């Protein structure tokens, strides 16, 4: 019970003489109104909670798909650099090996999350 509800409840007479019936009915009506407001607030709070959960879920799904795509792309690029390095080793082509290693090094040094803050919408 809220403090206000408790106060209203405590103001109700224990035995209601006919002369106090009107006051008691008014107090009961006030008590019911407070209870209905409380129900409305609970419904509103539940709706807000559901909206917040939906927004969190939407953002989670977006970032999960984004990260999966970004890291899948990086994996494919990394594998490509290793193929270049392997080809350079097989052909004993130092320039090809160095180009593959340099490209791989540059990619690894850059963060796919560097622009993460700009995604926070």
PDB file of N, CA and C in Angstrom:
ATOM      1  N   UNK A   1       0.834  -1.177   0.000  1.00  0.00           N
ATOM      2  CA  UNK A   1       0.000   0.000   0.000  1.00  0.00           C
ATOM      3  C   UNK A   1       0.880   1.242   0.000  1.00  0.00           C
ATOM      4  N   UNK A   2       0.456   2.237  -0.761  1.00  0.00           N
ATOM      5  CA  UNK A   2       1.199   3.483  -0.739  1.00  0.00           C
ATOM      6  C   UNK A   2       0.883   4.220   0.551  1.00  0.00           C
ATOM      7  N   UNK A   3       1.698   5.174   0.881  1.00  0.00           N
ATOM      8  CA  UNK A   3       1.494   5.933   2.109  1.00  0.00           C
ATOM      9  C   UNK A   3       0.136   6.635   2.090  1.00  0.00           C
ATOM     10  N   UNK A   4      -0.217   7.222   0.961  1.00  0.00           N
ATOM     11  CA  UNK A   4      -1.504   7.923   0.826  1.00  0.00           C
ATOM     12  C   UNK A   4      -2.655   6.936   0.991  1.00  0.00           C
ATOM     13  N   UNK A   5      -2.565   5.773   0.394  1.00  0.00           N
ATOM     14  CA  UNK A   5      -3.614   4.764   0.516  1.00  0.00           C
ATOM     15  C   UNK A   5      -3.764   4.335   1.966  1.00  0.00           C
ATOM     16  N   UNK A   6      -2.660   4.134   2.649  1.00  0.00           N
ATOM     17  CA  UNK A   6      -2.696   3.747   4.054  1.00  0.00           C
ATOM     18  C   UNK A   6      -3.368   4.833   4.885  1.00  0.00           C
ATOM     19  N   UNK A   7      -3.058   6.097   4.582  1.00  0.00           N
ATOM     20  CA  UNK A   7      -3.667   7.204   5.321  1.00  0.00           C
ATOM     21  C   UNK A   7      -5.179   7.210   5.118  1.00  0.00           C
ATOM     22  N   UNK A   8      -5.610   7.036   3.862  1.00  0.00           N
ATOM     23  CA  UNK A   8      -7.047   7.008   3.585  1.00  0.00           C
ATOM     24  C   UNK A   8      -7.728   5.846   4.307  1.00  0.00           C
ATOM     25  N   UNK A   9      -7.091   4.704   4.249  1.00  0.00           N
ATOM     26  CA  UNK A   9      -7.639   3.513   4.901  1.00  0.00           C
ATOM     27  C   UNK A   9      -7.739   3.724   6.416  1.00  0.00           C
ATOM     28  N   UNK A  10      -6.729   4.333   7.008  1.00  0.00           N
ATOM     29  CA  UNK A  10      -6.724   4.531   8.458  1.00  0.00           C
ATOM     30  C   UNK A  10      -7.759   5.559   8.899  1.00  0.00           C
ATOM     31  N   UNK A  11      -8.181   6.437   7.982  1.00  0.00           N
ATOM     32  CA  UNK A  11      -9.187   7.445   8.328  1.00  0.00           C
ATOM     33  C   UNK A  11     -10.603   6.882   8.325  1.00  0.00           C
ATOM     34  N   UNK A  12     -10.786   5.695   7.763  1.00  0.00           N
ATOM     35  CA  UNK A  12     -12.121   5.090   7.764  1.00  0.00           C
ATOM     36  C   UNK A  12     -12.524   4.724   9.190  1.00  0.00           C
ATOM     37  N   UNK A  13     -13.734   5.099   9.586  1.00  0.00           N
ATOM     38  CA  UNK A  13     -14.178   4.724  10.933  1.00  0.00           C
ATOM     39  C   UNK A  13     -14.310   3.206  11.055  1.00  0.00           C
ATOM     40  N   UNK A  14     -14.061   2.689  12.252  1.00  0.00           N
ATOM     41  CA  UNK A  14     -14.138   1.245  12.468  1.00  0.00           C
ATOM     42  C   UNK A  14     -15.594   0.780  12.451  1.00  0.00           C
ATOM     43  N   UNK A  15     -16.450   1.519  13.102  1.00  0.00           N
ATOM     44  CA  UNK A  15     -17.888   1.256  13.046  1.00  0.00           C
ATOM     45  C   UNK A  15     -18.503   2.487  12.408  1.00  0.00           C
ATOM     46  N   UNK A  16     -19.324   2.292  11.425  1.00  0.00           N
ATOM     47  CA  UNK A  16     -19.840   3.417  10.677  1.00  0.00           C
ATOM     48  C   UNK A  16     -21.288   3.703  11.102  1.00  0.00           C
ATOM     49  N   UNK A  17     -21.461   4.734  11.923  1.00  0.00           N
ATOM     50  CA  UNK A  17     -22.838   5.144  12.234  1.00  0.00           C
ATOM     51  C   UNK A  17     -23.481   5.759  10.995  1.00  0.00           C
ATOM     52  N   UNK A  18     -24.774   5.771  10.936  1.00  0.00           N
ATOM     53  CA  UNK A  18     -25.489   6.294   9.787  1.00  0.00           C
ATOM     54  C   UNK A  18     -25.055   7.726   9.490  1.00  0.00           C
ATOM     55  N   UNK A  19     -24.824   8.507  10.529  1.00  0.00           N
ATOM     56  CA  UNK A  19     -24.443   9.908  10.324  1.00  0.00           C
ATOM     57  C   UNK A  19     -23.089  10.032   9.630  1.00  0.00           C
ATOM     58  N   UNK A  20     -22.237   9.036   9.779  1.00  0.00           N
ATOM     59  CA  UNK A  20     -20.906   9.086   9.155  1.00  0.00           C
ATOM     60  C   UNK A  20     -20.839   8.324   7.831  1.00  0.00           C
ATOM     61  N   UNK A  21     -21.947   7.776   7.390  1.00  0.00           N
ATOM     62  CA  UNK A  21     -21.949   6.950   6.182  1.00  0.00           C
ATOM     63  C   UNK A  21     -21.483   7.738   4.965  1.00  0.00           C
ATOM     64  N   UNK A  22     -21.969   8.978   4.853  1.00  0.00           N
ATOM     65  CA  UNK A  22     -21.591   9.785   3.703  1.00  0.00           C
ATOM     66  C   UNK A  22     -20.078  10.018   3.672  1.00  0.00           C
ATOM     67  N   UNK A  23     -19.488  10.370   4.821  1.00  0.00           N
ATOM     68  CA  UNK A  23     -18.030  10.578   4.884  1.00  0.00           C
ATOM     69  C   UNK A  23     -17.286   9.291   4.547  1.00  0.00           C
ATOM     70  N   UNK A  24     -17.799   8.181   5.038  1.00  0.00           N
ATOM     71  CA  UNK A  24     -17.146   6.903   4.773  1.00  0.00           C
ATOM     72  C   UNK A  24     -17.198   6.565   3.282  1.00  0.00           C
ATOM     73  N   UNK A  25     -18.343   6.831   2.659  1.00  0.00           N
ATOM     74  CA  UNK A  25     -18.462   6.565   1.227  1.00  0.00           C
ATOM     75  C   UNK A  25     -17.518   7.458   0.423  1.00  0.00           C
ATOM     76  N   UNK A  26     -17.396   8.711   0.840  1.00  0.00           N
ATOM     77  CA  UNK A  26     -16.451   9.614   0.162  1.00  0.00           C
ATOM     78  C   UNK A  26     -15.021   9.112   0.301  1.00  0.00           C
ATOM     79  N   UNK A  27     -14.687   8.648   1.507  1.00  0.00           N
ATOM     80  CA  UNK A  27     -13.338   8.112   1.723  1.00  0.00           C
ATOM     81  C   UNK A  27     -13.113   6.856   0.880  1.00  0.00           C
ATOM     82  N   UNK A  28     -14.137   6.006   0.802  1.00  0.00           N
ATOM     83  CA  UNK A  28     -14.010   4.805  -0.024  1.00  0.00           C
ATOM     84  C   UNK A  28     -13.863   5.165  -1.499  1.00  0.00           C
ATOM     85  N   UNK A  29     -14.597   6.157  -1.949  1.00  0.00           N
ATOM     86  CA  UNK A  29     -14.482   6.600  -3.342  1.00  0.00           C
ATOM     87  C   UNK A  29     -13.082   7.146  -3.607  1.00  0.00           C
ATOM     88  N   UNK A  30     -12.566   7.918  -2.649  1.00  0.00           N
ATOM     89  CA  UNK A  30     -11.205   8.454  -2.780  1.00  0.00           C
ATOM     90  C   UNK A  30     -10.188   7.317  -2.794  1.00  0.00           C
ATOM     91  N   UNK A  31     -10.405   6.333  -1.941  1.00  0.00           N
ATOM     92  CA  UNK A  31      -9.531   5.171  -1.883  1.00  0.00           C
ATOM     93  C   UNK A  31      -9.545   4.430  -3.227  1.00  0.00           C
ATOM     94  N   UNK A  32     -10.737   4.244  -3.802  1.00  0.00           N
ATOM     95  CA  UNK A  32     -10.857   3.554  -5.092  1.00  0.00           C
ATOM     96  C   UNK A  32     -10.177   4.351  -6.200  1.00  0.00           C
ATOM     97  N   UNK A  33     -10.358   5.668  -6.159  1.00  0.00           N
ATOM     98  CA  UNK A  33      -9.723   6.514  -7.173  1.00  0.00           C
ATOM     99  C   UNK A  33      -8.200   6.379  -7.090  1.00  0.00           C
ATOM    100  N   UNK A  34      -7.662   6.379  -5.887  1.00  0.00           N
ATOM    101  CA  UNK A  34      -6.213   6.220  -5.702  1.00  0.00           C
ATOM    102  C   UNK A  34      -5.763   4.860  -6.241  1.00  0.00           C
ATOM    103  N   UNK A  35      -6.566   3.831  -5.976  1.00  0.00           N
ATOM    104  CA  UNK A  35      -6.229   2.483  -6.444  1.00  0.00           C
ATOM    105  C   UNK A  35      -6.234   2.438  -7.976  1.00  0.00           C
ATOM    106  N   UNK A  36      -7.212   3.090  -8.615  1.00  0.00           N
ATOM    107  CA  UNK A  36      -7.277   3.116 -10.074  1.00  0.00           C
ATOM    108  C   UNK A  36      -6.109   3.876 -10.666  1.00  0.00           C
ATOM    109  N   UNK A  37      -5.716   4.958 -10.024  1.00  0.00           N
ATOM    110  CA  UNK A  37      -4.540   5.708 -10.491  1.00  0.00           C
ATOM    111  C   UNK A  37      -3.315   4.816 -10.405  1.00  0.00           C
ATOM    112  N   UNK A  38      -3.232   4.088  -9.322  1.00  0.00           N
ATOM    113  CA  UNK A  38      -2.104   3.177  -9.144  1.00  0.00           C
ATOM    114  C   UNK A  38      -2.091   2.119 -10.254  1.00  0.00           C
ATOM    115  N   UNK A  39      -3.266   1.584 -10.610  1.00  0.00           N
ATOM    116  CA  UNK A  39      -3.342   0.602 -11.695  1.00  0.00           C
ATOM    117  C   UNK A  39      -2.881   1.232 -13.004  1.00  0.00           C
ATOM    118  N   UNK A  40      -3.337   2.468 -13.244  1.00  0.00           N
ATOM    119  CA  UNK A  40      -2.953   3.181 -14.464  1.00  0.00           C
ATOM    120  C   UNK A  40      -1.438   3.370 -14.505  1.00  0.00           C
ATOM    121  N   UNK A  41      -0.858   3.758 -13.375  1.00  0.00           N
ATOM    122  CA  UNK A  41       0.597   3.949 -13.318  1.00  0.00           C
ATOM    123  C   UNK A  41       1.333   2.640 -13.576  1.00  0.00           C
ATOM    124  N   UNK A  42       0.794   1.535 -13.056  1.00  0.00           N
ATOM    125  CA  UNK A  42       1.430   0.234 -13.282  1.00  0.00           C
ATOM    126  C   UNK A  42       1.369  -0.154 -14.750  1.00  0.00           C
ATOM    127  N   UNK A  43       0.216   0.088 -15.378  1.00  0.00           N
ATOM    128  CA  UNK A  43       0.062  -0.231 -16.806  1.00  0.00           C
ATOM    129  C   UNK A  43       1.018   0.628 -17.623  1.00  0.00           C
ATOM    130  N   UNK A  44       1.094   1.908 -17.273  1.00  0.00           N
ATOM    131  CA  UNK A  44       1.993   2.824 -17.975  1.00  0.00           C
ATOM    132  C   UNK A  44       3.449   2.393 -17.801  1.00  0.00           C
ATOM    133  N   UNK A  45       3.821   2.028 -16.584  1.00  0.00           N
ATOM    134  CA  UNK A  45       5.195   1.584 -16.320  1.00  0.00           C
ATOM    135  C   UNK A  45       5.507   0.307 -17.093  1.00  0.00           C
ATOM    136  N   UNK A  46       4.563  -0.610 -17.159  1.00  0.00           N
ATOM    137  CA  UNK A  46       4.772  -1.859 -17.903  1.00  0.00           C
ATOM    138  C   UNK A  46       4.935  -1.572 -19.396  1.00  0.00           C
ATOM    139  N   UNK A  47       4.118  -0.647 -19.917  1.00  0.00           N
ATOM    140  CA  UNK A  47       4.230  -0.284 -21.326  1.00  0.00           C
ATOM    141  C   UNK A  47       5.594   0.349 -21.614  1.00  0.00           C
ATOM    142  N   UNK A  48       6.047   1.226 -20.726  1.00  0.00           N
ATOM    143  CA  UNK A  48       7.361   1.849 -20.900  1.00  0.00           C
ATOM    144  C   UNK A  48       8.473   0.812 -20.839  1.00  0.00           C
ATOM    145  N   UNK A  49       8.320  -0.151 -19.937  1.00  0.00           N
ATOM    146  CA  UNK A  49       9.316  -1.234 -19.831  1.00  0.00           C
ATOM    147  C   UNK A  49       9.367  -2.040 -21.119  1.00  0.00           C
ATOM    148  N   UNK A  50       8.199  -2.367 -21.674  1.00  0.00           N
ATOM    149  CA  UNK A  50       8.147  -3.131 -22.920  1.00  0.00           C
ATOM    150  C   UNK A  50       8.769  -2.349 -24.078  1.00  0.00           C
ATOM    151  N   UNK A  51       8.511  -1.041 -24.118  1.00  0.00           N
ATOM    152  CA  UNK A  51       9.125  -0.208 -25.160  1.00  0.00           C
ATOM    153  C   UNK A  51      10.642  -0.194 -25.024  1.00  0.00           C
ATOM    154  N   UNK A  52      11.119  -0.050 -23.788  1.00  0.00           N
ATOM    155  CA  UNK A  52      12.567  -0.042 -23.554  1.00  0.00           C
ATOM    156  C   UNK A  52      13.181  -1.375 -23.957  1.00  0.00           C
ATOM    157  N   UNK A  53      12.535  -2.476 -23.601  1.00  0.00           N
ATOM    158  CA  UNK A  53      13.047  -3.799 -23.976  1.00  0.00           C
ATOM    159  C   UNK A  53      13.062  -3.983 -25.489  1.00  0.00           C
ATOM    160  N   UNK A  54      12.028  -3.494 -26.161  1.00  0.00           N
ATOM    161  CA  UNK A  54      11.982  -3.591 -27.617  1.00  0.00           C
ATOM    162  C   UNK A  54      13.124  -2.795 -28.249  1.00  0.00           C
ATOM    163  N   UNK A  55      13.400  -1.609 -27.711  1.00  0.00           N
ATOM    164  CA  UNK A  55      14.487  -0.780 -28.237  1.00  0.00           C
ATOM    165  C   UNK A  55      15.847  -1.442 -27.999  1.00  0.00           C
ATOM    166  N   UNK A  56      16.042  -1.997 -26.820  1.00  0.00           N
ATOM    167  CA  UNK A  56      17.294  -2.691 -26.511  1.00  0.00           C
ATOM    168  C   UNK A  56      17.471  -3.891 -27.442  1.00  0.00           C
ATOM    169  N   UNK A  57      16.403  -4.651 -27.654  1.00  0.00           N
ATOM    170  CA  UNK A  57      16.457  -5.816 -28.540  1.00  0.00           C
ATOM    171  C   UNK A  57      16.779  -5.399 -29.967  1.00  0.00           C
ATOM    172  N   UNK A  58      16.148  -4.319 -30.426  1.00  0.00           N
ATOM    173  CA  UNK A  58      16.396  -3.823 -31.784  1.00  0.00           C
ATOM    174  C   UNK A  58      17.863  -3.426 -31.943  1.00  0.00           C
ATOM    175  N   UNK A  59      18.401  -2.697 -30.961  1.00  0.00           N
ATOM    176  CA  UNK A  59      19.803  -2.280 -31.044  1.00  0.00           C
ATOM    177  C   UNK A  59      20.730  -3.487 -30.971  1.00  0.00           C
ATOM    178  N   UNK A  60      20.408  -4.453 -30.112  1.00  0.00           N
ATOM    179  CA  UNK A  60      21.230  -5.658 -29.996  1.00  0.00           C
ATOM    180  C   UNK A  60      21.274  -6.391 -31.334  1.00  0.00           C
ATOM    181  N   UNK A  61      20.110  -6.569 -31.947  1.00  0.00           N
ATOM    182  CA  UNK A  61      20.058  -7.262 -33.243  1.00  0.00           C
ATOM    183  C   UNK A  61      20.877  -6.517 -34.290  1.00  0.00           C
ATOM    184  N   UNK A  62      20.764  -5.196 -34.310  1.00  0.00           N
ATOM    185  CA  UNK A  62      21.509  -4.385 -35.271  1.00  0.00           C
ATOM    186  C   UNK A  62      23.015  -4.560 -35.083  1.00  0.00           C
ATOM    187  N   UNK A  63      23.494  -4.396 -33.843  1.00  0.00           N
ATOM    188  CA  UNK A  63      24.933  -4.496 -33.587  1.00  0.00           C
ATOM    189  C   UNK A  63      25.452  -5.912 -33.794  1.00  0.00           C
ATOM    190  N   UNK A  64      24.650  -6.908 -33.446  1.00  0.00           N
ATOM    191  CA  UNK A  64      25.078  -8.293 -33.656  1.00  0.00           C
ATOM    192  C   UNK A  64      25.295  -8.556 -35.150  1.00  0.00           C
ATOM    193  N   UNK A  65      24.354  -8.103 -35.976  1.00  0.00           N
ATOM    194  CA  UNK A  65      24.489  -8.298 -37.426  1.00  0.00           C
ATOM    195  C   UNK A  65      25.640  -7.470 -37.986  1.00  0.00           C
ATOM    196  N   UNK A  66      25.769  -6.257 -37.489  1.00  0.00           N
ATOM    197  CA  UNK A  66      26.852  -5.388 -37.958  1.00  0.00           C
ATOM    198  C   UNK A  66      28.216  -6.007 -37.633  1.00  0.00           C
ATOM    199  N   UNK A  67      28.408  -6.424 -36.392  1.00  0.00           N
ATOM    200  CA  UNK A  67      29.699  -7.001 -35.998  1.00  0.00           C
ATOM    201  C   UNK A  67      29.975  -8.294 -36.750  1.00  0.00           C
ATOM    202  N   UNK A  68      28.943  -9.116 -36.924  1.00  0.00           N
ATOM    203  CA  UNK A  68      29.127 -10.363 -37.679  1.00  0.00           C
ATOM    204  C   UNK A  68      29.603 -10.051 -39.097  1.00  0.00           C
ATOM    205  N   UNK A  69      28.994  -9.050 -39.726  1.00  0.00           N
ATOM    206  CA  UNK A  69      29.382  -8.682 -41.097  1.00  0.00           C
ATOM    207  C   UNK A  69      30.790  -8.097 -41.131  1.00  0.00           C
ATOM    208  N   UNK A  70      31.095  -7.197 -40.196  1.00  0.00           N
ATOM    209  CA  UNK A  70      32.417  -6.563 -40.177  1.00  0.00           C
ATOM    210  C   UNK A  70      33.509  -7.603 -39.964  1.00  0.00           C
ATOM    211  N   UNK A  71      33.303  -8.486 -39.000  1.00  0.00           N
ATOM    212  CA  UNK A  71      34.352  -9.457 -38.710  1.00  0.00           C
ATOM    213  C   UNK A  71      34.421 -10.563 -39.763  1.00  0.00           C
ATOM    214  N   UNK A  72      33.325 -10.876 -40.404  1.00  0.00           N
ATOM    215  CA  UNK A  72      33.364 -11.843 -41.516  1.00  0.00           C
ATOM    216  C   UNK A  72      34.168 -11.255 -42.676  1.00  0.00           C
ATOM    217  N   UNK A  73      33.956  -9.971 -42.933  1.00  0.00           N
ATOM    218  CA  UNK A  73      34.706  -9.299 -44.000  1.00  0.00           C
ATOM    219  C   UNK A  73      36.199  -9.272 -43.663  1.00  0.00           C
ATOM    220  N   UNK A  74      36.522  -8.938 -42.412  1.00  0.00           N
ATOM    221  CA  UNK A  74      37.933  -8.907 -42.001  1.00  0.00           C
ATOM    222  C   UNK A  74      38.567 -10.300 -42.100  1.00  0.00           C
ATOM    223  N   UNK A  75      37.786 -11.322 -41.758  1.00  0.00           N
ATOM    224  CA  UNK A  75      38.302 -12.688 -41.857  1.00  0.00           C
ATOM    225  C   UNK A  75      38.628 -13.019 -43.312  1.00  0.00           C
ATOM    226  N   UNK A  76      37.721 -12.674 -44.220  1.00  0.00           N
ATOM    227  CA  UNK A  76      37.947 -12.952 -45.644  1.00  0.00           C
ATOM    228  C   UNK A  76      39.171 -12.190 -46.155  1.00  0.00           C
ATOM    229  N   UNK A  77      39.314 -10.945 -45.750  1.00  0.00           N
ATOM    230  CA  UNK A  77      40.470 -10.141 -46.184  1.00  0.00           C
ATOM    231  C   UNK A  77      41.767 -10.730 -45.617  1.00  0.00           C
ATOM    232  N   UNK A  78      41.734 -11.116 -44.333  1.00  0.00           N
ATOM    233  CA  UNK A  78      42.912 -11.721 -43.694  1.00  0.00           C
ATOM    234  C   UNK A  78      43.317 -12.999 -44.426  1.00  0.00           C
ATOM    235  N   UNK A  79      42.345 -13.832 -44.743  1.00  0.00           N
ATOM    236  CA  UNK A  79      42.642 -15.066 -45.477  1.00  0.00           C
ATOM    237  C   UNK A  79      43.249 -14.760 -46.845  1.00  0.00           C
ATOM    238  N   UNK A  80      42.760 -13.690 -47.481  1.00  0.00           N
ATOM    239  CA  UNK A  80      43.320 -13.276 -48.767  1.00  0.00           C
ATOM    240  C   UNK A  80      44.780 -12.852 -48.626  1.00  0.00           C
ATOM    241  N   UNK A  81      45.101 -12.111 -47.590  1.00  0.00           N
ATOM    242  CA  UNK A  81      46.497 -11.699 -47.368  1.00  0.00           C
ATOM    243  C   UNK A  81      47.389 -12.918 -47.119  1.00  0.00           C
ATOM    244  N   UNK A  82      46.878 -13.891 -46.361  1.00  0.00           N
ATOM    245  CA  UNK A  82      47.672 -15.097 -46.128  1.00  0.00           C
ATOM    246  C   UNK A  82      47.871 -15.902 -47.418  1.00  0.00           C
ATOM    247  N   UNK A  83      46.871 -15.885 -48.298  1.00  0.00           N
ATOM    248  CA  UNK A  83      47.044 -16.562 -49.601  1.00  0.00           C
ATOM    249  C   UNK A  83      48.146 -15.873 -50.410  1.00  0.00           C
ATOM    250  N   UNK A  84      48.171 -14.529 -50.358  1.00  0.00           N
ATOM    251  CA  UNK A  84      49.224 -13.777 -51.062  1.00  0.00           C
ATOM    252  C   UNK A  84      50.588 -14.122 -50.472  1.00  0.00           C
ATOM    253  N   UNK A  85      50.660 -14.158 -49.140  1.00  0.00           N
ATOM    254  CA  UNK A  85      51.932 -14.486 -48.465  1.00  0.00           C
ATOM    255  C   UNK A  85      52.367 -15.906 -48.846  1.00  0.00           C
ATOM    256  N   UNK A  86      51.431 -16.858 -48.790  1.00  0.00           N
ATOM    257  CA  UNK A  86      51.745 -18.252 -49.158  1.00  0.00           C
ATOM    258  C   UNK A  86      52.211 -18.347 -50.608  1.00  0.00           C
ATOM    259  N   UNK A  87      51.547 -17.619 -51.479  1.00  0.00           N
ATOM    260  CA  UNK A  87      51.946 -17.624 -52.895  1.00  0.00           C
ATOM    261  C   UNK A  87      53.355 -17.058 -53.049  1.00  0.00           C
ATOM    262  N   UNK A  88      53.644 -15.978 -52.334  1.00  0.00           N
ATOM    263  CA  UNK A  88      54.981 -15.384 -52.384  1.00  0.00           C
ATOM    264  C   UNK A  88      56.039 -16.345 -51.886  1.00  0.00           C
ATOM    265  N   UNK A  89      55.712 -17.097 -50.830  1.00  0.00           N
ATOM    266  CA  UNK A  89      56.665 -18.089 -50.295  1.00  0.00           C
ATOM    267  C   UNK A  89      56.879 -19.207 -51.316  1.00  0.00           C
ATOM    268  N   UNK A  90      55.785 -19.718 -51.897  1.00  0.00           N
ATOM    269  CA  UNK A  90      55.901 -20.790 -52.897  1.00  0.00           C
ATOM    270  C   UNK A  90      56.733 -20.346 -54.094  1.00  0.00           C
ATOM    271  N   UNK A  91      56.531 -19.099 -54.519  1.00  0.00           N
ATOM    272  CA  UNK A  91      57.232 -18.587 -55.704  1.00  0.00           C
ATOM    273  C   UNK A  91      58.575 -17.944 -55.352  1.00  0.00           C
ATOM    274  N   UNK A  92      58.895 -17.953 -54.047  1.00  0.00           N
ATOM    275  CA  UNK A  92      60.131 -17.320 -53.569  1.00  0.00           C
ATOM    276  C   UNK A  92      60.189 -15.856 -54.028  1.00  0.00           C
ATOM    277  N   UNK A  93      59.025 -15.198 -53.921  1.00  0.00           N
ATOM    278  CA  UNK A  93      58.884 -13.806 -54.327  1.00  0.00           C
ATOM    279  C   UNK A  93      58.775 -12.948 -53.063  1.00  0.00           C
ATOM    280  N   UNK A  94      59.925 -12.396 -52.660  1.00  0.00           N
ATOM    281  CA  UNK A  94      59.969 -11.602 -51.426  1.00  0.00           C
ATOM    282  C   UNK A  94      59.061 -10.366 -51.487  1.00  0.00           C
ATOM    283  N   UNK A  95      58.953  -9.757 -52.660  1.00  0.00           N
ATOM    284  CA  UNK A  95      58.098  -8.573 -52.791  1.00  0.00           C
ATOM    285  C   UNK A  95      56.633  -8.917 -52.508  1.00  0.00           C
ATOM    286  N   UNK A  96      56.191 -10.069 -52.982  1.00  0.00           N
ATOM    287  CA  UNK A  96      54.819 -10.512 -52.751  1.00  0.00           C
ATOM    288  C   UNK A  96      54.600 -10.831 -51.274  1.00  0.00           C
ATOM    289  N   UNK A  97      55.566 -11.501 -50.658  1.00  0.00           N
ATOM    290  CA  UNK A  97      55.480 -11.816 -49.223  1.00  0.00           C
ATOM    291  C   UNK A  97      55.422 -10.523 -48.418  1.00  0.00           C
ATOM    292  N   UNK A  98      56.315  -9.573 -48.723  1.00  0.00           N
ATOM    293  CA  UNK A  98      56.338  -8.305 -47.988  1.00  0.00           C
ATOM    294  C   UNK A  98      55.053  -7.504 -48.197  1.00  0.00           C
ATOM    295  N   UNK A  99      54.525  -7.510 -49.415  1.00  0.00           N
ATOM    296  CA  UNK A  99      53.273  -6.796 -49.691  1.00  0.00           C
ATOM    297  C   UNK A  99      52.124  -7.415 -48.887  1.00  0.00           C
ATOM    298  N   UNK A 100      52.077  -8.743 -48.845  1.00  0.00           N
ATOM    299  CA  UNK A 100      51.042  -9.429 -48.068  1.00  0.00           C
ATOM    300  C   UNK A 100      51.173  -9.148 -46.588  1.00  0.00           C
ATOM    301  N   UNK A 101      52.416  -9.221 -46.071  1.00  0.00           N
ATOM    302  CA  UNK A 101      52.656  -8.947 -44.650  1.00  0.00           C
ATOM    303  C   UNK A 101      52.340  -7.496 -44.293  1.00  0.00           C
ATOM    304  N   UNK A 102      52.716  -6.573 -45.157  1.00  0.00           N
ATOM    305  CA  UNK A 102      52.456  -5.162 -44.914  1.00  0.00           C
ATOM    306  C   UNK A 102      50.949  -4.885 -44.884  1.00  0.00           C
ATOM    307  N   UNK A 103      50.247  -5.418 -45.859  1.00  0.00           N
ATOM    308  CA  UNK A 103      48.787  -5.230 -45.907  1.00  0.00           C
ATOM    309  C   UNK A 103      48.115  -5.856 -44.691  1.00  0.00           C
ATOM    310  N   UNK A 104      48.566  -7.059 -44.325  1.00  0.00           N
ATOM    311  CA  UNK A 104      48.018  -7.735 -43.156  1.00  0.00           C
ATOM    312  C   UNK A 104      48.287  -6.920 -41.897  1.00  0.00           C
ATOM    313  N   UNK A 105      49.487  -6.412 -41.771  1.00  0.00           N
ATOM    314  CA  UNK A 105      49.857  -5.611 -40.610  1.00  0.00           C
ATOM    315  C   UNK A 105      48.999  -4.350 -40.507  1.00  0.00           C
ATOM    316  N   UNK A 106      48.790  -3.672 -41.633  1.00  0.00           N
ATOM    317  CA  UNK A 106      47.965  -2.456 -41.628  1.00  0.00           C
ATOM    318  C   UNK A 106      46.522  -2.759 -41.227  1.00  0.00           C
ATOM    319  N   UNK A 107      46.005  -3.866 -41.731  1.00  0.00           N
ATOM    320  CA  UNK A 107      44.626  -4.208 -41.399  1.00  0.00           C
ATOM    321  C   UNK A 107      44.492  -4.568 -39.921  1.00  0.00           C
ATOM    322  N   UNK A 108      45.431  -5.345 -39.414  1.00  0.00           N
ATOM    323  CA  UNK A 108      45.380  -5.757 -38.013  1.00  0.00           C
ATOM    324  C   UNK A 108      45.549  -4.556 -37.089  1.00  0.00           C
ATOM    325  N   UNK A 109      46.348  -3.572 -37.504  1.00  0.00           N
ATOM    326  CA  UNK A 109      46.575  -2.384 -36.677  1.00  0.00           C
ATOM    327  C   UNK A 109      45.351  -1.477 -36.618  1.00  0.00           C
ATOM    328  N   UNK A 110      44.495  -1.559 -37.619  1.00  0.00           N
ATOM    329  CA  UNK A 110      43.292  -0.719 -37.602  1.00  0.00           C
ATOM    330  C   UNK A 110      42.167  -1.463 -36.880  1.00  0.00           C
ATOM    331  N   UNK A 111      41.361  -0.705 -36.168  1.00  0.00           N
ATOM    332  CA  UNK A 111      40.272  -1.315 -35.420  1.00  0.00           C
ATOM    333  C   UNK A 111      38.961  -1.192 -36.188  1.00  0.00           C
ATOM    334  N   UNK A 112      38.246  -2.288 -36.322  1.00  0.00           N
ATOM    335  CA  UNK A 112      36.945  -2.194 -36.980  1.00  0.00           C
ATOM    336  C   UNK A 112      35.934  -1.440 -36.118  1.00  0.00           C
ATOM    337  N   UNK A 113      36.275  -1.223 -34.872  1.00  0.00           N
ATOM    338  CA  UNK A 113      35.367  -0.546 -33.934  1.00  0.00           C
ATOM    339  C   UNK A 113      35.734   0.924 -33.757  1.00  0.00           C
ATOM    340  N   UNK A 114      36.667   1.429 -34.582  1.00  0.00           N
ATOM    341  CA  UNK A 114      37.126   2.810 -34.421  1.00  0.00           C
ATOM    342  C   UNK A 114      35.987   3.817 -34.556  1.00  0.00           C
ATOM    343  N   UNK A 115      35.019   3.536 -35.402  1.00  0.00           N
ATOM    344  CA  UNK A 115      33.892   4.452 -35.595  1.00  0.00           C
ATOM    345  C   UNK A 115      32.649   4.016 -34.877  1.00  0.00           C
ATOM    346  N   UNK A 116      32.821   3.208 -33.855  1.00  0.00           N
ATOM    347  CA  UNK A 116      31.686   2.645 -33.113  1.00  0.00           C
ATOM    348  C   UNK A 116      30.789   3.737 -32.531  1.00  0.00           C
ATOM    349  N   UNK A 117      31.369   4.798 -32.000  1.00  0.00           N
ATOM    350  CA  UNK A 117      30.561   5.863 -31.384  1.00  0.00           C
ATOM    351  C   UNK A 117      29.620   6.514 -32.378  1.00  0.00           C
ATOM    352  N   UNK A 118      30.037   6.590 -33.638  1.00  0.00           N
ATOM    353  CA  UNK A 118      29.166   7.209 -34.643  1.00  0.00           C
ATOM    354  C   UNK A 118      27.943   6.326 -34.932  1.00  0.00           C
ATOM    355  N   UNK A 119      28.023   5.038 -34.581  1.00  0.00           N
ATOM    356  CA  UNK A 119      26.898   4.129 -34.807  1.00  0.00           C
ATOM    357  C   UNK A 119      25.854   4.231 -33.712  1.00  0.00           C
ATOM    358  N   UNK A 120      26.215   4.784 -32.582  1.00  0.00           N
ATOM    359  CA  UNK A 120      25.321   4.859 -31.431  1.00  0.00           C
ATOM    360  C   UNK A 120      24.246   5.900 -31.701  1.00  0.00           C
ATOM    361  N   UNK A 121      23.141   5.442 -32.247  1.00  0.00           N
ATOM    362  CA  UNK A 121      22.062   6.373 -32.622  1.00  0.00           C
ATOM    363  C   UNK A 121      20.881   6.217 -31.746  1.00  0.00           C
TER     364      UNK A 121
END
